[in-house]
Amino acid sequence: MISIFLIFYFIFNLVSGERGLFSYFKKKELLSNLKNEEVLLISKIEDIDHKNSLLSTNLDLDYVEILIRERFLFGKNGETIYLIKKDEK
C-alpha cells in the first residue's frame, strides 16, 4: 500500500507542479517567444543606430531630405505632393 502511494506521489510530482513536465513545456515555449522578441528588438536597435549615425557623425543630406519629405510633406519647386489615405476598417 505504501509503495503504491509512493509511486503515485512521484508520478504526480513528475507531471505537475512548478518543476513538472507541463511546467517545463510552458517555460520552454516562453523562452522561445522571448528569444524571438529579442531578435526582433535587436534588429530594431540596429536600424535606429544606423539612422542615428546618418544624422550625427557624417550628415547624410539624402537621408535628411527623405525625413523632411516624409515628416513635413515638403517638396521641391514644381513638384506636386499627393496624400494617399489607407482604408480604415
C-alpha atoms as a PDB file:
ATOM      1  CA  MET A   1       0.000   0.000   0.000  1.00  0.00           C
ATOM      2  CA  ILE A   2       2.811   2.390   0.886  1.00  0.00           C
ATOM      3  CA  SER A   3       4.694   1.557  -2.302  1.00  0.00           C
ATOM      4  CA  ILE A   4       1.607   2.346  -4.435  1.00  0.00           C
ATOM      5  CA  PHE A   5       1.206   5.633  -2.614  1.00  0.00           C
ATOM      6  CA  LEU A   6       4.887   6.485  -3.223  1.00  0.00           C
ATOM      7  CA  ILE A   7       4.603   5.593  -6.907  1.00  0.00           C
ATOM      8  CA  PHE A   8       1.541   7.827  -7.331  1.00  0.00           C
ATOM      9  CA  TYR A   9       3.260  10.587  -5.371  1.00  0.00           C
ATOM     10  CA  PHE A  10       6.348  10.547  -7.606  1.00  0.00           C
ATOM     11  CA  ILE A  11       4.302  10.334 -10.813  1.00  0.00           C
ATOM     12  CA  PHE A  12       2.118  13.248  -9.691  1.00  0.00           C
ATOM     13  CA  ASN A  13       5.156  15.378  -8.836  1.00  0.00           C
ATOM     14  CA  LEU A  14       6.862  14.439 -12.089  1.00  0.00           C
ATOM     15  CA  VAL A  15       3.929  15.615 -14.201  1.00  0.00           C
ATOM     16  CA  SER A  16       2.521  18.569 -12.276  1.00  0.00           C
ATOM     17  CA  GLY A  17       3.909  21.253 -10.037  1.00  0.00           C
ATOM     18  CA  GLU A  18       6.415  24.010 -10.603  1.00  0.00           C
ATOM     19  CA  ARG A  19       9.131  21.568 -11.668  1.00  0.00           C
ATOM     20  CA  GLY A  20       6.843  19.185 -13.510  1.00  0.00           C
ATOM     21  CA  LEU A  21       6.632  18.182 -17.123  1.00  0.00           C
ATOM     22  CA  PHE A  22       3.787  20.567 -18.009  1.00  0.00           C
ATOM     23  CA  SER A  23       5.629  23.477 -16.423  1.00  0.00           C
ATOM     24  CA  TYR A  24       8.746  22.541 -18.382  1.00  0.00           C
ATOM     25  CA  PHE A  25       6.927  22.773 -21.707  1.00  0.00           C
ATOM     26  CA  LYS A  26       5.331  26.117 -20.762  1.00  0.00           C
ATOM     27  CA  LYS A  27       8.713  27.532 -19.782  1.00  0.00           C
ATOM     28  CA  LYS A  28      10.289  26.190 -22.952  1.00  0.00           C
ATOM     29  CA  GLU A  29       7.619  27.929 -25.061  1.00  0.00           C
ATOM     30  CA  LEU A  30       8.075  31.154 -23.077  1.00  0.00           C
ATOM     31  CA  LEU A  31      11.839  31.004 -23.664  1.00  0.00           C
ATOM     32  CA  SER A  32      11.295  30.537 -27.393  1.00  0.00           C
ATOM     33  CA  ASN A  33       8.946  33.543 -27.529  1.00  0.00           C
ATOM     34  CA  LEU A  34      11.406  35.690 -25.588  1.00  0.00           C
ATOM     35  CA  LYS A  35      14.264  34.728 -27.914  1.00  0.00           C
ATOM     36  CA  ASN A  36      12.170  35.691 -30.953  1.00  0.00           C
ATOM     37  CA  GLU A  37      11.293  39.010 -29.325  1.00  0.00           C
ATOM     38  CA  GLU A  38      14.972  39.587 -28.521  1.00  0.00           C
ATOM     39  CA  VAL A  39      15.964  39.077 -32.171  1.00  0.00           C
ATOM     40  CA  LEU A  40      13.236  41.492 -33.275  1.00  0.00           C
ATOM     41  CA  LEU A  41      14.315  44.142 -30.756  1.00  0.00           C
ATOM     42  CA  ILE A  42      17.992  43.772 -31.689  1.00  0.00           C
ATOM     43  CA  SER A  43      17.152  44.353 -35.356  1.00  0.00           C
ATOM     44  CA  LYS A  44      15.130  47.463 -34.419  1.00  0.00           C
ATOM     45  CA  ILE A  45      18.023  48.778 -32.336  1.00  0.00           C
ATOM     46  CA  GLU A  46      20.464  48.216 -35.203  1.00  0.00           C
ATOM     47  CA  ASP A  47      18.127  50.061 -37.578  1.00  0.00           C
ATOM     48  CA  ILE A  48      17.823  53.004 -35.181  1.00  0.00           C
ATOM     49  CA  ASP A  49      21.607  53.068 -34.645  1.00  0.00           C
ATOM     50  CA  HIS A  50      22.118  53.181 -38.408  1.00  0.00           C
ATOM     51  CA  LYS A  51      19.653  56.052 -38.793  1.00  0.00           C
ATOM     52  CA  ASN A  52      21.275  57.853 -35.882  1.00  0.00           C
ATOM     53  CA  SER A  53      24.706  57.518 -37.464  1.00  0.00           C
ATOM     54  CA  LEU A  54      23.347  59.049 -40.683  1.00  0.00           C
ATOM     55  CA  LEU A  55      22.305  62.119 -38.707  1.00  0.00           C
ATOM     56  CA  SER A  56      25.187  62.523 -36.263  1.00  0.00           C
ATOM     57  CA  THR A  57      28.706  61.624 -37.365  1.00  0.00           C
ATOM     58  CA  ASN A  58      28.682  62.228 -41.101  1.00  0.00           C
ATOM     59  CA  LEU A  59      25.498  64.080 -42.050  1.00  0.00           C
ATOM     60  CA  ASP A  60      23.825  62.361 -44.984  1.00  0.00           C
ATOM     61  CA  LEU A  61      21.888  65.012 -46.910  1.00  0.00           C
ATOM     62  CA  ASP A  62      19.862  62.448 -48.852  1.00  0.00           C
ATOM     63  CA  TYR A  63      18.554  60.946 -45.602  1.00  0.00           C
ATOM     64  CA  VAL A  64      17.756  64.417 -44.245  1.00  0.00           C
ATOM     65  CA  GLU A  65      15.786  65.143 -47.423  1.00  0.00           C
ATOM     66  CA  ILE A  66      13.858  61.882 -47.029  1.00  0.00           C
ATOM     67  CA  LEU A  67      12.977  62.800 -43.444  1.00  0.00           C
ATOM     68  CA  ILE A  68      11.829  66.291 -44.418  1.00  0.00           C
ATOM     69  CA  ARG A  69       9.667  64.917 -47.241  1.00  0.00           C
ATOM     70  CA  GLU A  70       8.045  62.268 -45.046  1.00  0.00           C
ATOM     71  CA  ARG A  71       7.528  64.225 -41.838  1.00  0.00           C
ATOM     72  CA  PHE A  72       6.800  67.739 -43.049  1.00  0.00           C
ATOM     73  CA  LEU A  73       5.413  66.964 -46.540  1.00  0.00           C
ATOM     74  CA  PHE A  74       7.811  69.360 -48.214  1.00  0.00           C
ATOM     75  CA  GLY A  75       8.722  69.098 -51.859  1.00  0.00           C
ATOM     76  CA  LYS A  76      10.867  70.868 -54.382  1.00  0.00           C
ATOM     77  CA  ASN A  77       9.638  73.659 -56.648  1.00  0.00           C
ATOM     78  CA  GLY A  78       7.330  72.344 -59.350  1.00  0.00           C
ATOM     79  CA  GLU A  79       6.567  69.070 -57.536  1.00  0.00           C
ATOM     80  CA  THR A  80       3.062  68.002 -56.626  1.00  0.00           C
ATOM     81  CA  ILE A  81       2.559  66.063 -53.397  1.00  0.00           C
ATOM     82  CA  TYR A  82      -0.254  63.528 -53.236  1.00  0.00           C
ATOM     83  CA  LEU A  83      -1.519  62.147 -49.930  1.00  0.00           C
ATOM     84  CA  ILE A  84      -2.914  58.639 -50.142  1.00  0.00           C
ATOM     85  CA  LYS A  85      -5.081  57.629 -47.191  1.00  0.00           C
ATOM     86  CA  LYS A  86      -5.386  53.970 -46.294  1.00  0.00           C
ATOM     87  CA  ASP A  87      -8.838  52.491 -45.834  1.00  0.00           C
ATOM     88  CA  GLU A  88      -9.607  52.204 -42.149  1.00  0.00           C
ATOM     89  CA  LYS A  89     -11.808  49.232 -41.386  1.00  0.00           C
END
